[in-house]
PDB file of N, CA and C in Angstrom:
ATOM      1  N   MET A   1     -43.640  -6.075 -45.567  1.00  0.00           N
ATOM      2  CA  MET A   1     -44.108  -6.174 -47.079  1.00  0.00           C
ATOM      3  C   MET A   1     -42.981  -7.187 -47.948  1.00  0.00           C
ATOM      4  N   ALA A   2     -43.725  -8.263 -48.502  1.00  0.00           N
ATOM      5  CA  ALA A   2     -43.310  -9.133 -49.126  1.00  0.00           C
ATOM      6  C   ALA A   2     -42.118  -8.860 -50.138  1.00  0.00           C
ATOM      7  N   ASP A   3     -42.130  -7.530 -50.723  1.00  0.00           N
ATOM      8  CA  ASP A   3     -41.167  -7.037 -51.497  1.00  0.00           C
ATOM      9  C   ASP A   3     -40.067  -6.553 -50.800  1.00  0.00           C
ATOM     10  N   GLY A   4     -39.780  -6.508 -49.831  1.00  0.00           N
ATOM     11  CA  GLY A   4     -38.553  -6.095 -48.978  1.00  0.00           C
ATOM     12  C   GLY A   4     -38.412  -4.597 -48.937  1.00  0.00           C
ATOM     13  N   SER A   5     -39.318  -4.039 -48.999  1.00  0.00           N
ATOM     14  CA  SER A   5     -39.336  -2.296 -49.195  1.00  0.00           C
ATOM     15  C   SER A   5     -39.459  -1.938 -47.721  1.00  0.00           C
ATOM     16  N   LEU A   6     -39.783  -2.753 -46.368  1.00  0.00           N
ATOM     17  CA  LEU A   6     -40.157  -2.289 -45.316  1.00  0.00           C
ATOM     18  C   LEU A   6     -39.184  -3.317 -44.383  1.00  0.00           C
ATOM     19  N   ARG A   7     -38.538  -2.249 -43.499  1.00  0.00           N
ATOM     20  CA  ARG A   7     -37.553  -2.785 -42.229  1.00  0.00           C
ATOM     21  C   ARG A   7     -38.401  -2.194 -41.019  1.00  0.00           C
ATOM     22  N   MET A   8     -38.313  -3.562 -40.288  1.00  0.00           N
ATOM     23  CA  MET A   8     -38.513  -3.249 -38.678  1.00  0.00           C
ATOM     24  C   MET A   8     -37.187  -3.524 -37.574  1.00  0.00           C
ATOM     25  N   TYR A   9     -37.261  -2.785 -36.787  1.00  0.00           N
ATOM     26  CA  TYR A   9     -36.111  -2.819 -35.801  1.00  0.00           C
ATOM     27  C   TYR A   9     -36.695  -3.319 -34.453  1.00  0.00           C
ATOM     28  N   TYR A  10     -36.060  -3.931 -33.784  1.00  0.00           N
ATOM     29  CA  TYR A  10     -36.603  -4.436 -32.535  1.00  0.00           C
ATOM     30  C   TYR A  10     -35.533  -4.316 -31.474  1.00  0.00           C
ATOM     31  N   ASP A  11     -35.864  -4.123 -30.050  1.00  0.00           N
ATOM     32  CA  ASP A  11     -34.528  -4.247 -29.144  1.00  0.00           C
ATOM     33  C   ASP A  11     -34.456  -5.460 -28.359  1.00  0.00           C
ATOM     34  N   TYR A  12     -33.786  -5.526 -27.215  1.00  0.00           N
ATOM     35  CA  TYR A  12     -33.402  -6.598 -26.756  1.00  0.00           C
ATOM     36  C   TYR A  12     -34.574  -7.601 -26.176  1.00  0.00           C
ATOM     37  N   ARG A  13     -35.721  -6.979 -26.025  1.00  0.00           N
ATOM     38  CA  ARG A  13     -37.103  -7.437 -25.548  1.00  0.00           C
ATOM     39  C   ARG A  13     -38.023  -7.669 -26.487  1.00  0.00           C
ATOM     40  N   ASN A  14     -37.774  -7.947 -27.504  1.00  0.00           N
ATOM     41  CA  ASN A  14     -38.730  -7.949 -28.770  1.00  0.00           C
ATOM     42  C   ASN A  14     -39.288  -7.063 -29.047  1.00  0.00           C
ATOM     43  N   ARG A  15     -39.380  -5.712 -28.640  1.00  0.00           N
ATOM     44  CA  ARG A  15     -40.254  -4.709 -29.022  1.00  0.00           C
ATOM     45  C   ARG A  15     -39.909  -3.688 -29.840  1.00  0.00           C
ATOM     46  N   LEU A  16     -41.045  -3.677 -30.709  1.00  0.00           N
ATOM     47  CA  LEU A  16     -40.797  -2.965 -32.266  1.00  0.00           C
ATOM     48  C   LEU A  16     -40.219  -1.390 -31.667  1.00  0.00           C
ATOM     49  N   LYS A  17     -38.917  -0.826 -32.193  1.00  0.00           N
ATOM     50  CA  LYS A  17     -38.252   0.025 -31.907  1.00  0.00           C
ATOM     51  C   LYS A  17     -38.572   1.383 -32.996  1.00  0.00           C
ATOM     52  N   TRP A  18     -38.323   0.878 -34.215  1.00  0.00           N
ATOM     53  CA  TRP A  18     -38.239   2.031 -35.390  1.00  0.00           C
ATOM     54  C   TRP A  18     -38.763   1.125 -36.526  1.00  0.00           C
ATOM     55  N   VAL A  19     -39.338   1.810 -37.661  1.00  0.00           N
ATOM     56  CA  VAL A  19     -39.872   1.220 -38.767  1.00  0.00           C
ATOM     57  C   VAL A  19     -39.249   2.052 -39.962  1.00  0.00           C
ATOM     58  N   GLU A  20     -38.776   1.477 -41.038  1.00  0.00           N
ATOM     59  CA  GLU A  20     -38.304   2.177 -42.179  1.00  0.00           C
ATOM     60  C   GLU A  20     -38.768   1.416 -43.447  1.00  0.00           C
ATOM     61  N   ARG A  21     -38.942   2.550 -44.822  1.00  0.00           N
ATOM     62  CA  ARG A  21     -39.579   2.010 -46.029  1.00  0.00           C
ATOM     63  C   ARG A  21     -38.514   2.673 -46.821  1.00  0.00           C
ATOM     64  N   ARG A  22     -38.364   1.620 -47.718  1.00  0.00           N
ATOM     65  CA  ARG A  22     -37.628   2.179 -49.017  1.00  0.00           C
ATOM     66  C   ARG A  22     -38.178   3.081 -50.038  1.00  0.00           C
ATOM     67  N   GLU A  23     -37.674   4.195 -50.377  1.00  0.00           N
ATOM     68  CA  GLU A  23     -38.326   5.081 -51.034  1.00  0.00           C
ATOM     69  C   GLU A  23     -36.999   5.581 -52.162  1.00  0.00           C
ATOM     70  N   SER A  24     -37.245   5.352 -53.574  1.00  0.00           N
ATOM     71  CA  SER A  24     -36.202   5.664 -54.540  1.00  0.00           C
ATOM     72  C   SER A  24     -34.802   5.532 -54.135  1.00  0.00           C
ATOM     73  N   GLY A  25     -34.591   3.808 -53.614  1.00  0.00           N
ATOM     74  CA  GLY A  25     -33.580   3.744 -53.479  1.00  0.00           C
ATOM     75  C   GLY A  25     -32.816   3.630 -51.920  1.00  0.00           C
ATOM     76  N   GLU A  26     -33.530   4.762 -51.075  1.00  0.00           N
ATOM     77  CA  GLU A  26     -32.940   5.061 -49.798  1.00  0.00           C
ATOM     78  C   GLU A  26     -33.964   4.533 -48.808  1.00  0.00           C
ATOM     79  N   TRP A  27     -33.543   4.071 -47.619  1.00  0.00           N
ATOM     80  CA  TRP A  27     -34.477   4.051 -46.453  1.00  0.00           C
ATOM     81  C   TRP A  27     -34.596   5.145 -45.757  1.00  0.00           C
ATOM     82  N   VAL A  28     -35.885   5.312 -45.420  1.00  0.00           N
ATOM     83  CA  VAL A  28     -36.534   6.584 -44.742  1.00  0.00           C
ATOM     84  C   VAL A  28     -37.471   6.006 -43.728  1.00  0.00           C
ATOM     85  N   SER A  29     -37.237   6.571 -42.441  1.00  0.00           N
ATOM     86  CA  SER A  29     -37.880   6.431 -41.529  1.00  0.00           C
ATOM     87  C   SER A  29     -39.122   6.896 -41.280  1.00  0.00           C
ATOM     88  N   LEU A  30     -40.093   5.724 -40.711  1.00  0.00           N
ATOM     89  CA  LEU A  30     -41.491   5.820 -40.817  1.00  0.00           C
ATOM     90  C   LEU A  30     -42.019   6.311 -39.447  1.00  0.00           C
ATOM     91  N   ASP A  31     -41.789   5.493 -38.531  1.00  0.00           N
ATOM     92  CA  ASP A  31     -42.064   5.652 -37.090  1.00  0.00           C
ATOM     93  C   ASP A  31     -41.152   4.975 -36.140  1.00  0.00           C
ATOM     94  N   GLU A  32     -40.841   5.917 -35.083  1.00  0.00           N
ATOM     95  CA  GLU A  32     -39.924   5.417 -33.990  1.00  0.00           C
ATOM     96  C   GLU A  32     -40.781   5.311 -32.661  1.00  0.00           C
ATOM     97  N   TYR A  33     -40.781   4.749 -31.608  1.00  0.00           N
ATOM     98  CA  TYR A  33     -41.239   4.110 -30.390  1.00  0.00           C
ATOM     99  C   TYR A  33     -40.274   4.257 -29.239  1.00  0.00           C
ATOM    100  N   ALA A  34     -40.812   4.658 -28.292  1.00  0.00           N
ATOM    101  CA  ALA A  34     -40.027   4.549 -27.005  1.00  0.00           C
ATOM    102  C   ALA A  34     -41.018   3.910 -26.081  1.00  0.00           C
ATOM    103  N   PHE A  35     -40.387   3.254 -24.838  1.00  0.00           N
ATOM    104  CA  PHE A  35     -41.468   2.581 -23.644  1.00  0.00           C
ATOM    105  C   PHE A  35     -41.097   2.934 -22.445  1.00  0.00           C
ATOM    106  N   ASP A  36     -42.034   2.993 -21.366  1.00  0.00           N
ATOM    107  CA  ASP A  36     -41.395   3.292 -19.929  1.00  0.00           C
ATOM    108  C   ASP A  36     -40.841   2.199 -19.441  1.00  0.00           C
ATOM    109  N   ALA A  37     -40.702   2.259 -17.956  1.00  0.00           N
ATOM    110  CA  ALA A  37     -40.083   1.314 -17.300  1.00  0.00           C
ATOM    111  C   ALA A  37     -40.680  -0.012 -16.802  1.00  0.00           C
ATOM    112  N   LEU A  38     -42.154   0.145 -17.617  1.00  0.00           N
ATOM    113  CA  LEU A  38     -42.857  -1.274 -17.245  1.00  0.00           C
ATOM    114  C   LEU A  38     -43.269  -1.813 -18.600  1.00  0.00           C
ATOM    115  N   GLY A  39     -42.345  -1.247 -19.583  1.00  0.00           N
ATOM    116  CA  GLY A  39     -42.763  -1.961 -20.878  1.00  0.00           C
ATOM    117  C   GLY A  39     -43.966  -1.323 -21.795  1.00  0.00           C
ATOM    118  N   ARG A  40     -44.748  -0.098 -21.239  1.00  0.00           N
ATOM    119  CA  ARG A  40     -45.668   0.177 -22.287  1.00  0.00           C
ATOM    120  C   ARG A  40     -45.084   1.115 -23.192  1.00  0.00           C
ATOM    121  N   ILE A  41     -45.620   1.602 -24.110  1.00  0.00           N
ATOM    122  CA  ILE A  41     -45.267   2.374 -25.321  1.00  0.00           C
ATOM    123  C   ILE A  41     -45.415   3.570 -24.437  1.00  0.00           C
ATOM    124  N   ALA A  42     -44.360   4.768 -24.559  1.00  0.00           N
ATOM    125  CA  ALA A  42     -44.351   5.822 -23.906  1.00  0.00           C
ATOM    126  C   ALA A  42     -44.568   7.092 -24.979  1.00  0.00           C
ATOM    127  N   PHE A  43     -44.024   6.721 -26.242  1.00  0.00           N
ATOM    128  CA  PHE A  43     -44.356   7.675 -27.128  1.00  0.00           C
ATOM    129  C   PHE A  43     -44.108   7.237 -28.329  1.00  0.00           C
ATOM    130  N   THR A  44     -44.558   7.706 -29.337  1.00  0.00           N
ATOM    131  CA  THR A  44     -44.386   7.463 -30.779  1.00  0.00           C
ATOM    132  C   THR A  44     -43.906   8.886 -31.523  1.00  0.00           C
ATOM    133  N   ALA A  45     -43.097   8.538 -32.375  1.00  0.00           N
ATOM    134  CA  ALA A  45     -42.617   9.700 -33.369  1.00  0.00           C
ATOM    135  C   ALA A  45     -42.722   9.424 -34.862  1.00  0.00           C
ATOM    136  N   GLU A  46     -43.022  10.454 -35.509  1.00  0.00           N
ATOM    137  CA  GLU A  46     -43.216  10.144 -37.192  1.00  0.00           C
ATOM    138  C   GLU A  46     -42.692  11.675 -37.855  1.00  0.00           C
ATOM    139  N   PRO A  47     -42.018  11.034 -39.095  1.00  0.00           N
ATOM    140  CA  PRO A  47     -41.389  12.285 -39.623  1.00  0.00           C
ATOM    141  C   PRO A  47     -42.381  13.299 -39.914  1.00  0.00           C
ATOM    142  N   ASP A  48     -41.995  14.344 -39.925  1.00  0.00           N
ATOM    143  CA  ASP A  48     -43.299  15.734 -40.106  1.00  0.00           C
ATOM    144  C   ASP A  48     -43.321  16.075 -41.348  1.00  0.00           C
ATOM    145  N   GLY A  49     -42.480  15.457 -42.386  1.00  0.00           N
ATOM    146  CA  GLY A  49     -42.241  16.150 -43.811  1.00  0.00           C
ATOM    147  C   GLY A  49     -41.281  17.327 -44.122  1.00  0.00           C
ATOM    148  N   GLN A  50     -40.831  17.937 -43.163  1.00  0.00           N
ATOM    149  CA  GLN A  50     -40.194  18.849 -43.123  1.00  0.00           C
ATOM    150  C   GLN A  50     -38.788  18.841 -42.644  1.00  0.00           C
ATOM    151  N   GLY A  51     -38.366  17.445 -42.235  1.00  0.00           N
ATOM    152  CA  GLY A  51     -36.943  17.209 -41.985  1.00  0.00           C
ATOM    153  C   GLY A  51     -36.820  17.019 -40.360  1.00  0.00           C
ATOM    154  N   GLY A  52     -38.119  17.266 -39.758  1.00  0.00           N
ATOM    155  CA  GLY A  52     -38.402  16.905 -38.278  1.00  0.00           C
ATOM    156  C   GLY A  52     -39.094  15.729 -38.012  1.00  0.00           C
ATOM    157  N   TRP A  53     -39.613  15.803 -36.713  1.00  0.00           N
ATOM    158  CA  TRP A  53     -40.172  14.757 -36.166  1.00  0.00           C
ATOM    159  C   TRP A  53     -41.330  15.323 -35.414  1.00  0.00           C
ATOM    160  N   THR A  54     -42.562  14.846 -35.463  1.00  0.00           N
ATOM    161  CA  THR A  54     -43.699  15.066 -34.682  1.00  0.00           C
ATOM    162  C   THR A  54     -43.772  13.807 -33.593  1.00  0.00           C
ATOM    163  N   GLN A  55     -43.827  14.135 -32.305  1.00  0.00           N
ATOM    164  CA  GLN A  55     -43.899  13.391 -31.427  1.00  0.00           C
ATOM    165  C   GLN A  55     -45.523  13.186 -30.827  1.00  0.00           C
ATOM    166  N   ARG A  56     -45.725  12.177 -30.305  1.00  0.00           N
ATOM    167  CA  ARG A  56     -47.166  11.945 -29.520  1.00  0.00           C
ATOM    168  C   ARG A  56     -46.906  10.904 -28.436  1.00  0.00           C
ATOM    169  N   ARG A  57     -47.429  11.708 -27.169  1.00  0.00           N
ATOM    170  CA  ARG A  57     -47.185  10.758 -25.850  1.00  0.00           C
ATOM    171  C   ARG A  57     -48.265  10.158 -25.854  1.00  0.00           C
ATOM    172  N   LEU A  58     -48.184   8.700 -25.216  1.00  0.00           N
ATOM    173  CA  LEU A  58     -49.130   8.075 -25.031  1.00  0.00           C
ATOM    174  C   LEU A  58     -49.198   8.035 -23.327  1.00  0.00           C
ATOM    175  N   ILE A  59     -50.312   8.260 -22.840  1.00  0.00           N
ATOM    176  CA  ILE A  59     -50.495   8.450 -21.424  1.00  0.00           C
ATOM    177  C   ILE A  59     -51.352   7.363 -20.762  1.00  0.00           C
ATOM    178  N   TRP A  60     -50.703   6.582 -19.836  1.00  0.00           N
ATOM    179  CA  TRP A  60     -51.417   5.385 -19.556  1.00  0.00           C
ATOM    180  C   TRP A  60     -52.201   5.712 -18.290  1.00  0.00           C
ATOM    181  N   GLY A  61     -53.762   5.523 -18.478  1.00  0.00           N
ATOM    182  CA  GLY A  61     -54.704   5.724 -17.413  1.00  0.00           C
ATOM    183  C   GLY A  61     -55.290   4.616 -16.729  1.00  0.00           C
ATOM    184  N   GLY A  62     -55.017   3.475 -17.119  1.00  0.00           N
ATOM    185  CA  GLY A  62     -55.347   2.267 -16.576  1.00  0.00           C
ATOM    186  C   GLY A  62     -55.609   1.104 -17.596  1.00  0.00           C
ATOM    187  N   VAL A  63     -56.256   0.033 -17.395  1.00  0.00           N
ATOM    188  CA  VAL A  63     -56.361  -1.083 -17.974  1.00  0.00           C
ATOM    189  C   VAL A  63     -56.630  -0.828 -19.526  1.00  0.00           C
ATOM    190  N   SER A  64     -57.603  -0.099 -19.696  1.00  0.00           N
ATOM    191  CA  SER A  64     -57.980   0.163 -21.405  1.00  0.00           C
ATOM    192  C   SER A  64     -58.329   1.728 -21.587  1.00  0.00           C
ATOM    193  N   ASP A  65     -57.470   2.551 -20.720  1.00  0.00           N
ATOM    194  CA  ASP A  65     -57.718   3.810 -20.908  1.00  0.00           C
ATOM    195  C   ASP A  65     -56.098   4.851 -21.407  1.00  0.00           C
ATOM    196  N   TRP A  66     -56.203   4.694 -22.745  1.00  0.00           N
ATOM    197  CA  TRP A  66     -54.850   5.382 -23.460  1.00  0.00           C
ATOM    198  C   TRP A  66     -55.298   6.655 -23.875  1.00  0.00           C
ATOM    199  N   HIS A  67     -54.291   7.712 -23.955  1.00  0.00           N
ATOM    200  CA  HIS A  67     -54.705   8.730 -24.501  1.00  0.00           C
ATOM    201  C   HIS A  67     -53.333   9.146 -25.136  1.00  0.00           C
ATOM    202  N   MET A  68     -53.807   9.771 -26.633  1.00  0.00           N
ATOM    203  CA  MET A  68     -52.557  10.523 -27.117  1.00  0.00           C
ATOM    204  C   MET A  68     -52.369  11.973 -26.938  1.00  0.00           C
ATOM    205  N   ARG A  69     -51.461  12.536 -26.799  1.00  0.00           N
ATOM    206  CA  ARG A  69     -51.104  13.882 -26.374  1.00  0.00           C
ATOM    207  C   ARG A  69     -50.093  14.304 -27.167  1.00  0.00           C
ATOM    208  N   PRO A  70     -49.836  15.660 -27.996  1.00  0.00           N
ATOM    209  CA  PRO A  70     -48.666  16.162 -28.221  1.00  0.00           C
ATOM    210  C   PRO A  70     -47.292  16.000 -27.226  1.00  0.00           C
ATOM    211  N   ALA A  71     -46.151  15.831 -27.763  1.00  0.00           N
ATOM    212  CA  ALA A  71     -45.157  15.791 -26.757  1.00  0.00           C
ATOM    213  C   ALA A  71     -44.588  17.333 -26.405  1.00  0.00           C
ATOM    214  N   ILE A  72     -44.561  17.669 -25.320  1.00  0.00           N
ATOM    215  CA  ILE A  72     -44.085  19.210 -25.037  1.00  0.00           C
ATOM    216  C   ILE A  72     -42.608  19.395 -25.159  1.00  0.00           C
TER     217      ILE A  72
END
């Protein structure tokens, strides 16, 4: 965002790792990402609004076949 209320963090391979937003003067995490050994997104996590995180696993099934599943 142009107003500086959003921060994005990247790893050494320039992959997005997490995103934060400024709310009432504090930085709040919005999303977090992890990758598998081949560099594909393995899961995403987002705050659940109750102080915890909700995770979603992305299952690779081929060239254009992605599936979102709750993390176990």
